[in-house]
PDB file of N, CA and C in Angstrom:
ATOM      1  N   MET A   1      -7.771 -12.694  -8.415  1.00  0.00           N
ATOM      2  CA  MET A   1      -7.676 -12.387  -7.203  1.00  0.00           C
ATOM      3  C   MET A   1      -8.477 -12.432  -6.354  1.00  0.00           C
ATOM      4  N   ASP A   2      -7.734 -12.747  -5.069  1.00  0.00           N
ATOM      5  CA  ASP A   2      -9.490 -12.689  -3.983  1.00  0.00           C
ATOM      6  C   ASP A   2     -10.008 -11.764  -3.319  1.00  0.00           C
ATOM      7  N   GLU A   3     -10.315 -11.644  -3.039  1.00  0.00           N
ATOM      8  CA  GLU A   3     -11.580 -10.221  -1.746  1.00  0.00           C
ATOM      9  C   GLU A   3     -10.576  -9.353  -0.951  1.00  0.00           C
ATOM     10  N   LYS A   4      -9.196 -10.528  -0.269  1.00  0.00           N
ATOM     11  CA  LYS A   4      -9.035  -9.891   0.758  1.00  0.00           C
ATOM     12  C   LYS A   4      -7.226  -8.887  -0.445  1.00  0.00           C
ATOM     13  N   GLN A   5      -6.811  -9.877  -1.291  1.00  0.00           N
ATOM     14  CA  GLN A   5      -6.180  -8.440  -2.311  1.00  0.00           C
ATOM     15  C   GLN A   5      -7.120  -7.192  -3.459  1.00  0.00           C
ATOM     16  N   LYS A   6      -8.310  -7.603  -3.052  1.00  0.00           N
ATOM     17  CA  LYS A   6      -9.070  -6.527  -3.849  1.00  0.00           C
ATOM     18  C   LYS A   6      -9.030  -5.599  -3.054  1.00  0.00           C
ATOM     19  N   GLU A   7      -9.554  -5.750  -1.493  1.00  0.00           N
ATOM     20  CA  GLU A   7      -9.908  -5.038  -0.568  1.00  0.00           C
ATOM     21  C   GLU A   7      -8.390  -4.406  -0.074  1.00  0.00           C
ATOM     22  N   PHE A   8      -7.357  -4.765  -0.175  1.00  0.00           N
ATOM     23  CA  PHE A   8      -6.352  -4.217   0.199  1.00  0.00           C
ATOM     24  C   PHE A   8      -5.311  -2.874  -1.300  1.00  0.00           C
ATOM     25  N   LEU A   9      -6.176  -3.458  -2.541  1.00  0.00           N
ATOM     26  CA  LEU A   9      -5.920  -2.216  -3.365  1.00  0.00           C
ATOM     27  C   LEU A   9      -6.760  -1.367  -3.426  1.00  0.00           C
ATOM     28  N   SER A  10      -8.100  -1.738  -3.025  1.00  0.00           N
ATOM     29  CA  SER A  10      -8.492  -0.297  -2.320  1.00  0.00           C
ATOM     30  C   SER A  10      -8.503   0.556  -1.751  1.00  0.00           C
ATOM     31  N   ARG A  11      -8.327  -0.567  -0.718  1.00  0.00           N
ATOM     32  CA  ARG A  11      -7.687   0.735   1.402  1.00  0.00           C
ATOM     33  C   ARG A  11      -6.066   1.288   0.129  1.00  0.00           C
ATOM     34  N   LEU A  12      -5.660   0.472  -0.533  1.00  0.00           N
ATOM     35  CA  LEU A  12      -4.434   1.362  -1.139  1.00  0.00           C
ATOM     36  C   LEU A  12      -4.813   2.386  -2.203  1.00  0.00           C
ATOM     37  N   ALA A  13      -5.766   2.502  -2.796  1.00  0.00           N
ATOM     38  CA  ALA A  13      -5.801   3.450  -4.248  1.00  0.00           C
ATOM     39  C   ALA A  13      -6.642   5.258  -2.677  1.00  0.00           C
ATOM     40  N   GLY A  14      -7.447   4.390  -2.104  1.00  0.00           N
ATOM     41  CA  GLY A  14      -7.936   5.027  -1.010  1.00  0.00           C
ATOM     42  C   GLY A  14      -6.801   6.376  -0.522  1.00  0.00           C
ATOM     43  N   VAL A  15      -5.770   5.332   0.303  1.00  0.00           N
ATOM     44  CA  VAL A  15      -4.754   6.454   1.016  1.00  0.00           C
ATOM     45  C   VAL A  15      -4.162   6.886  -0.221  1.00  0.00           C
ATOM     46  N   LEU A  16      -3.656   7.024  -0.911  1.00  0.00           N
ATOM     47  CA  LEU A  16      -2.902   7.546  -2.780  1.00  0.00           C
ATOM     48  C   LEU A  16      -3.878   9.254  -3.324  1.00  0.00           C
ATOM     49  N   GLU A  17      -5.098   8.083  -1.943  1.00  0.00           N
ATOM     50  CA  GLU A  17      -6.250   8.554  -3.168  1.00  0.00           C
ATOM     51  C   GLU A  17      -6.071   9.159  -4.801  1.00  0.00           C
ATOM     52  N   VAL A  18      -6.022   7.628  -5.043  1.00  0.00           N
ATOM     53  CA  VAL A  18      -5.765   7.467  -6.973  1.00  0.00           C
ATOM     54  C   VAL A  18      -6.892   6.323  -7.211  1.00  0.00           C
ATOM     55  N   ASP A  19      -8.170   7.050  -7.633  1.00  0.00           N
ATOM     56  CA  ASP A  19      -8.863   6.401  -8.524  1.00  0.00           C
ATOM     57  C   ASP A  19      -9.287   4.567  -8.493  1.00  0.00           C
ATOM     58  N   SER A  20      -8.169   3.764  -9.085  1.00  0.00           N
ATOM     59  CA  SER A  20      -8.023   2.661  -8.805  1.00  0.00           C
ATOM     60  C   SER A  20      -5.960   2.506  -9.134  1.00  0.00           C
ATOM     61  N   ILE A  21      -5.938   1.052  -8.557  1.00  0.00           N
ATOM     62  CA  ILE A  21      -3.873   1.006  -8.205  1.00  0.00           C
ATOM     63  C   ILE A  21      -3.733  -0.128  -8.754  1.00  0.00           C
ATOM     64  N   SER A  22      -3.036  -1.224  -9.398  1.00  0.00           N
ATOM     65  CA  SER A  22      -2.392  -2.439  -9.605  1.00  0.00           C
ATOM     66  C   SER A  22      -1.560  -3.361  -9.131  1.00  0.00           C
ATOM     67  N   PRO A  23      -1.364  -4.198  -9.121  1.00  0.00           N
ATOM     68  CA  PRO A  23      -0.256  -4.767  -8.946  1.00  0.00           C
ATOM     69  C   PRO A  23       0.832  -4.709  -9.141  1.00  0.00           C
ATOM     70  N   ALA A  24       0.715  -4.420 -11.099  1.00  0.00           N
ATOM     71  CA  ALA A  24       2.241  -3.955 -11.153  1.00  0.00           C
ATOM     72  C   ALA A  24       2.295  -2.780 -10.904  1.00  0.00           C
ATOM     73  N   ASP A  25       1.950  -1.390 -10.044  1.00  0.00           N
ATOM     74  CA  ASP A  25       2.186  -0.238 -10.806  1.00  0.00           C
ATOM     75  C   ASP A  25       3.499   0.305  -9.763  1.00  0.00           C
ATOM     76  N   ASP A  26       3.380   1.113  -9.327  1.00  0.00           N
ATOM     77  CA  ASP A  26       5.040   1.302  -8.316  1.00  0.00           C
ATOM     78  C   ASP A  26       3.701   2.666  -8.576  1.00  0.00           C
ATOM     79  N   TYR A  27       3.581   2.330  -6.921  1.00  0.00           N
ATOM     80  CA  TYR A  27       2.523   2.925  -5.773  1.00  0.00           C
ATOM     81  C   TYR A  27       3.712   4.785  -5.507  1.00  0.00           C
ATOM     82  N   ARG A  28       4.418   4.278  -5.613  1.00  0.00           N
ATOM     83  CA  ARG A  28       6.081   5.476  -5.217  1.00  0.00           C
ATOM     84  C   ARG A  28       6.077   6.641  -6.347  1.00  0.00           C
ATOM     85  N   LEU A  29       5.051   6.045  -7.797  1.00  0.00           N
ATOM     86  CA  LEU A  29       4.539   7.369  -8.571  1.00  0.00           C
ATOM     87  C   LEU A  29       3.871   8.222  -8.827  1.00  0.00           C
ATOM     88  N   THR A  30       3.085   7.638  -7.663  1.00  0.00           N
ATOM     89  CA  THR A  30       1.417   8.706  -7.819  1.00  0.00           C
ATOM     90  C   THR A  30       1.446  10.127  -7.105  1.00  0.00           C
ATOM     91  N   PRO A  31       1.154  10.742  -7.450  1.00  0.00           N
ATOM     92  CA  PRO A  31       1.340  12.242  -6.796  1.00  0.00           C
ATOM     93  C   PRO A  31       0.888  12.323  -6.088  1.00  0.00           C
ATOM     94  N   LEU A  32       0.533  11.332  -5.068  1.00  0.00           N
ATOM     95  CA  LEU A  32       0.096  11.990  -4.108  1.00  0.00           C
ATOM     96  C   LEU A  32       1.564  11.217  -2.414  1.00  0.00           C
ATOM     97  N   TRP A  33       2.340  10.720  -3.393  1.00  0.00           N
ATOM     98  CA  TRP A  33       3.509   9.321  -2.618  1.00  0.00           C
ATOM     99  C   TRP A  33       4.707  10.903  -2.350  1.00  0.00           C
ATOM    100  N   GLY A  34       4.845  10.510  -0.668  1.00  0.00           N
ATOM    101  CA  GLY A  34       5.875  11.369   0.217  1.00  0.00           C
ATOM    102  C   GLY A  34       5.495  11.145   1.510  1.00  0.00           C
ATOM    103  N   SER A  35       6.410  11.592   2.680  1.00  0.00           N
ATOM    104  CA  SER A  35       6.736  10.986   3.876  1.00  0.00           C
ATOM    105  C   SER A  35       5.292  11.144   4.466  1.00  0.00           C
ATOM    106  N   LEU A  36       4.274  12.410   4.661  1.00  0.00           N
ATOM    107  CA  LEU A  36       3.239  12.063   4.836  1.00  0.00           C
ATOM    108  C   LEU A  36       2.441  10.815   4.731  1.00  0.00           C
ATOM    109  N   THR A  37       1.913  10.622   3.203  1.00  0.00           N
ATOM    110  CA  THR A  37       1.251   9.307   3.220  1.00  0.00           C
ATOM    111  C   THR A  37       1.429   8.554   2.902  1.00  0.00           C
ATOM    112  N   CYS A  38       3.722   7.792   3.084  1.00  0.00           N
ATOM    113  CA  CYS A  38       3.701   6.866   3.425  1.00  0.00           C
ATOM    114  C   CYS A  38       3.950   6.108   5.228  1.00  0.00           C
ATOM    115  N   PHE A  39       3.445   7.584   5.323  1.00  0.00           N
ATOM    116  CA  PHE A  39       2.559   7.335   7.447  1.00  0.00           C
ATOM    117  C   PHE A  39       2.071   7.089   7.493  1.00  0.00           C
ATOM    118  N   ALA A  40       0.573   7.391   6.404  1.00  0.00           N
ATOM    119  CA  ALA A  40      -0.689   7.796   6.520  1.00  0.00           C
ATOM    120  C   ALA A  40      -0.631   5.877   5.980  1.00  0.00           C
ATOM    121  N   LEU A  41       0.089   5.251   5.682  1.00  0.00           N
ATOM    122  CA  LEU A  41      -0.412   3.643   4.759  1.00  0.00           C
ATOM    123  C   LEU A  41      -0.098   3.170   5.545  1.00  0.00           C
ATOM    124  N   LYS A  42       1.453   3.498   6.271  1.00  0.00           N
ATOM    125  CA  LYS A  42       2.077   2.766   7.562  1.00  0.00           C
ATOM    126  C   LYS A  42       0.852   2.543   8.669  1.00  0.00           C
ATOM    127  N   VAL A  43       0.220   4.066   8.781  1.00  0.00           N
ATOM    128  CA  VAL A  43      -0.994   3.462   9.545  1.00  0.00           C
ATOM    129  C   VAL A  43      -1.637   2.942   9.461  1.00  0.00           C
ATOM    130  N   THR A  44      -2.422   2.597   7.997  1.00  0.00           N
ATOM    131  CA  THR A  44      -3.471   1.719   7.186  1.00  0.00           C
ATOM    132  C   THR A  44      -3.569   0.593   7.125  1.00  0.00           C
ATOM    133  N   ILE A  45      -2.000   0.167   7.427  1.00  0.00           N
ATOM    134  CA  ILE A  45      -2.122  -1.115   7.311  1.00  0.00           C
ATOM    135  C   ILE A  45      -1.707  -1.913   9.253  1.00  0.00           C
ATOM    136  N   MET A  46      -1.371  -0.971   9.710  1.00  0.00           N
ATOM    137  CA  MET A  46      -1.314  -1.659  11.184  1.00  0.00           C
ATOM    138  C   MET A  46      -2.830  -1.602  11.781  1.00  0.00           C
ATOM    139  N   GLN A  47      -3.671  -0.684  11.464  1.00  0.00           N
ATOM    140  CA  GLN A  47      -5.322  -0.658  11.650  1.00  0.00           C
ATOM    141  C   GLN A  47      -6.369  -1.833  11.001  1.00  0.00           C
ATOM    142  N   HIS A  48      -5.712  -1.888   9.947  1.00  0.00           N
ATOM    143  CA  HIS A  48      -6.401  -3.184   8.722  1.00  0.00           C
ATOM    144  C   HIS A  48      -6.148  -4.002   8.240  1.00  0.00           C
ATOM    145  N   TYR A  49      -4.922  -4.565   9.237  1.00  0.00           N
ATOM    146  CA  TYR A  49      -4.077  -5.633   8.796  1.00  0.00           C
ATOM    147  C   TYR A  49      -3.305  -5.906   9.663  1.00  0.00           C
ATOM    148  N   GLY A  50      -3.365  -5.517  11.409  1.00  0.00           N
ATOM    149  CA  GLY A  50      -2.525  -5.352  12.273  1.00  0.00           C
ATOM    150  C   GLY A  50      -0.370  -5.894  11.699  1.00  0.00           C
ATOM    151  N   ARG A  51      -0.575  -5.356  10.722  1.00  0.00           N
ATOM    152  CA  ARG A  51       1.165  -5.902  10.768  1.00  0.00           C
ATOM    153  C   ARG A  51       1.805  -4.422  10.958  1.00  0.00           C
ATOM    154  N   ASP A  52       2.874  -3.868  11.228  1.00  0.00           N
ATOM    155  CA  ASP A  52       3.621  -3.159  11.508  1.00  0.00           C
ATOM    156  C   ASP A  52       4.933  -3.488  10.351  1.00  0.00           C
ATOM    157  N   VAL A  53       4.485  -2.655   9.190  1.00  0.00           N
ATOM    158  CA  VAL A  53       5.463  -2.424   8.066  1.00  0.00           C
ATOM    159  C   VAL A  53       6.499  -1.080   8.469  1.00  0.00           C
ATOM    160  N   PRO A  54       7.755  -1.370   8.771  1.00  0.00           N
ATOM    161  CA  PRO A  54       8.816  -0.391   8.457  1.00  0.00           C
ATOM    162  C   PRO A  54       8.464   1.237   7.554  1.00  0.00           C
ATOM    163  N   LEU A  55       8.541   2.383   7.697  1.00  0.00           N
ATOM    164  CA  LEU A  55       8.449   2.573   6.614  1.00  0.00           C
ATOM    165  C   LEU A  55       9.448   3.060   5.741  1.00  0.00           C
ATOM    166  N   LYS A  56      10.904   2.336   5.833  1.00  0.00           N
ATOM    167  CA  LYS A  56      11.740   2.071   5.023  1.00  0.00           C
ATOM    168  C   LYS A  56      11.432   1.083   3.919  1.00  0.00           C
ATOM    169  N   ASP A  57      10.874   0.467   4.525  1.00  0.00           N
ATOM    170  CA  ASP A  57      10.574  -0.510   3.487  1.00  0.00           C
ATOM    171  C   ASP A  57       8.906   0.052   2.598  1.00  0.00           C
ATOM    172  N   LEU A  58       8.075   0.353   3.236  1.00  0.00           N
ATOM    173  CA  LEU A  58       7.480   0.793   2.468  1.00  0.00           C
ATOM    174  C   LEU A  58       7.406   2.185   1.002  1.00  0.00           C
ATOM    175  N   ASP A  59       9.033   2.448   1.689  1.00  0.00           N
ATOM    176  CA  ASP A  59       9.601   3.385   0.785  1.00  0.00           C
ATOM    177  C   ASP A  59      10.680   3.276  -0.364  1.00  0.00           C
ATOM    178  N   SER A  60      10.777   1.418  -0.402  1.00  0.00           N
ATOM    179  CA  SER A  60      11.577   1.125  -1.153  1.00  0.00           C
ATOM    180  C   SER A  60      11.053  -0.403  -1.817  1.00  0.00           C
ATOM    181  N   PHE A  61       9.520  -0.918  -1.811  1.00  0.00           N
ATOM    182  CA  PHE A  61       8.994  -2.093  -2.548  1.00  0.00           C
ATOM    183  C   PHE A  61       9.491  -1.643  -3.803  1.00  0.00           C
ATOM    184  N   PRO A  62       9.064  -2.445  -4.729  1.00  0.00           N
ATOM    185  CA  PRO A  62       9.174  -1.761  -5.851  1.00  0.00           C
ATOM    186  C   PRO A  62       7.536  -1.553  -6.436  1.00  0.00           C
ATOM    187  N   ASP A  63       6.959  -2.204  -6.135  1.00  0.00           N
ATOM    188  CA  ASP A  63       5.672  -2.532  -6.452  1.00  0.00           C
ATOM    189  C   ASP A  63       4.176  -3.012  -6.059  1.00  0.00           C
ATOM    190  N   VAL A  64       3.099  -2.445  -5.938  1.00  0.00           N
ATOM    191  CA  VAL A  64       2.067  -3.271  -5.108  1.00  0.00           C
ATOM    192  C   VAL A  64       2.190  -4.540  -4.603  1.00  0.00           C
ATOM    193  N   LYS A  65       2.403  -5.469  -5.517  1.00  0.00           N
ATOM    194  CA  LYS A  65       2.168  -6.485  -5.602  1.00  0.00           C
ATOM    195  C   LYS A  65       3.437  -7.019  -4.459  1.00  0.00           C
ATOM    196  N   THR A  66       4.646  -6.287  -4.236  1.00  0.00           N
ATOM    197  CA  THR A  66       5.345  -7.070  -3.737  1.00  0.00           C
ATOM    198  C   THR A  66       5.421  -6.216  -1.924  1.00  0.00           C
ATOM    199  N   LEU A  67       4.217  -4.809  -2.038  1.00  0.00           N
ATOM    200  CA  LEU A  67       3.763  -4.705  -1.254  1.00  0.00           C
ATOM    201  C   LEU A  67       2.590  -5.181  -0.387  1.00  0.00           C
ATOM    202  N   MET A  68       1.138  -6.035  -1.551  1.00  0.00           N
ATOM    203  CA  MET A  68       1.090  -6.719  -1.084  1.00  0.00           C
ATOM    204  C   MET A  68       0.558  -7.721  -0.543  1.00  0.00           C
ATOM    205  N   GLU A  69       2.076  -8.809  -0.787  1.00  0.00           N
ATOM    206  CA  GLU A  69       2.736 -10.282  -0.775  1.00  0.00           C
ATOM    207  C   GLU A  69       3.155  -9.549   0.985  1.00  0.00           C
ATOM    208  N   ASN A  70       3.400  -8.500   1.828  1.00  0.00           N
ATOM    209  CA  ASN A  70       4.467  -8.592   2.314  1.00  0.00           C
ATOM    210  C   ASN A  70       3.106  -8.320   3.635  1.00  0.00           C
ATOM    211  N   VAL A  71       2.266  -7.336   3.113  1.00  0.00           N
ATOM    212  CA  VAL A  71       1.318  -7.181   4.028  1.00  0.00           C
ATOM    213  C   VAL A  71       0.135  -8.597   4.355  1.00  0.00           C
ATOM    214  N   LEU A  72      -0.282  -9.171   3.147  1.00  0.00           N
ATOM    215  CA  LEU A  72      -0.863 -10.311   3.708  1.00  0.00           C
ATOM    216  C   LEU A  72      -0.608 -11.793   3.639  1.00  0.00           C
ATOM    217  N   LYS A  73       0.414 -12.309   3.732  1.00  0.00           N
ATOM    218  CA  LYS A  73       1.141 -12.944   4.356  1.00  0.00           C
ATOM    219  C   LYS A  73       1.057 -13.551   4.954  1.00  0.00           C
TER     220      LYS A  73
END
């Protein structure tokens, strides 16, 4: 895993308020996931990666790996 991916996972874990998260995890199953968390993740992605990921996509990616691939591409 490269540094960009590690940084992304760290930022995602921060937004979700979990200690860590792996690419295979379904981030939507974390205790904090909901509409406000989805919006916070959208803002974080825009601020740090300059990508606008639609809210509906954030709520439908099946796992962290898919989200990460779409943000870091």
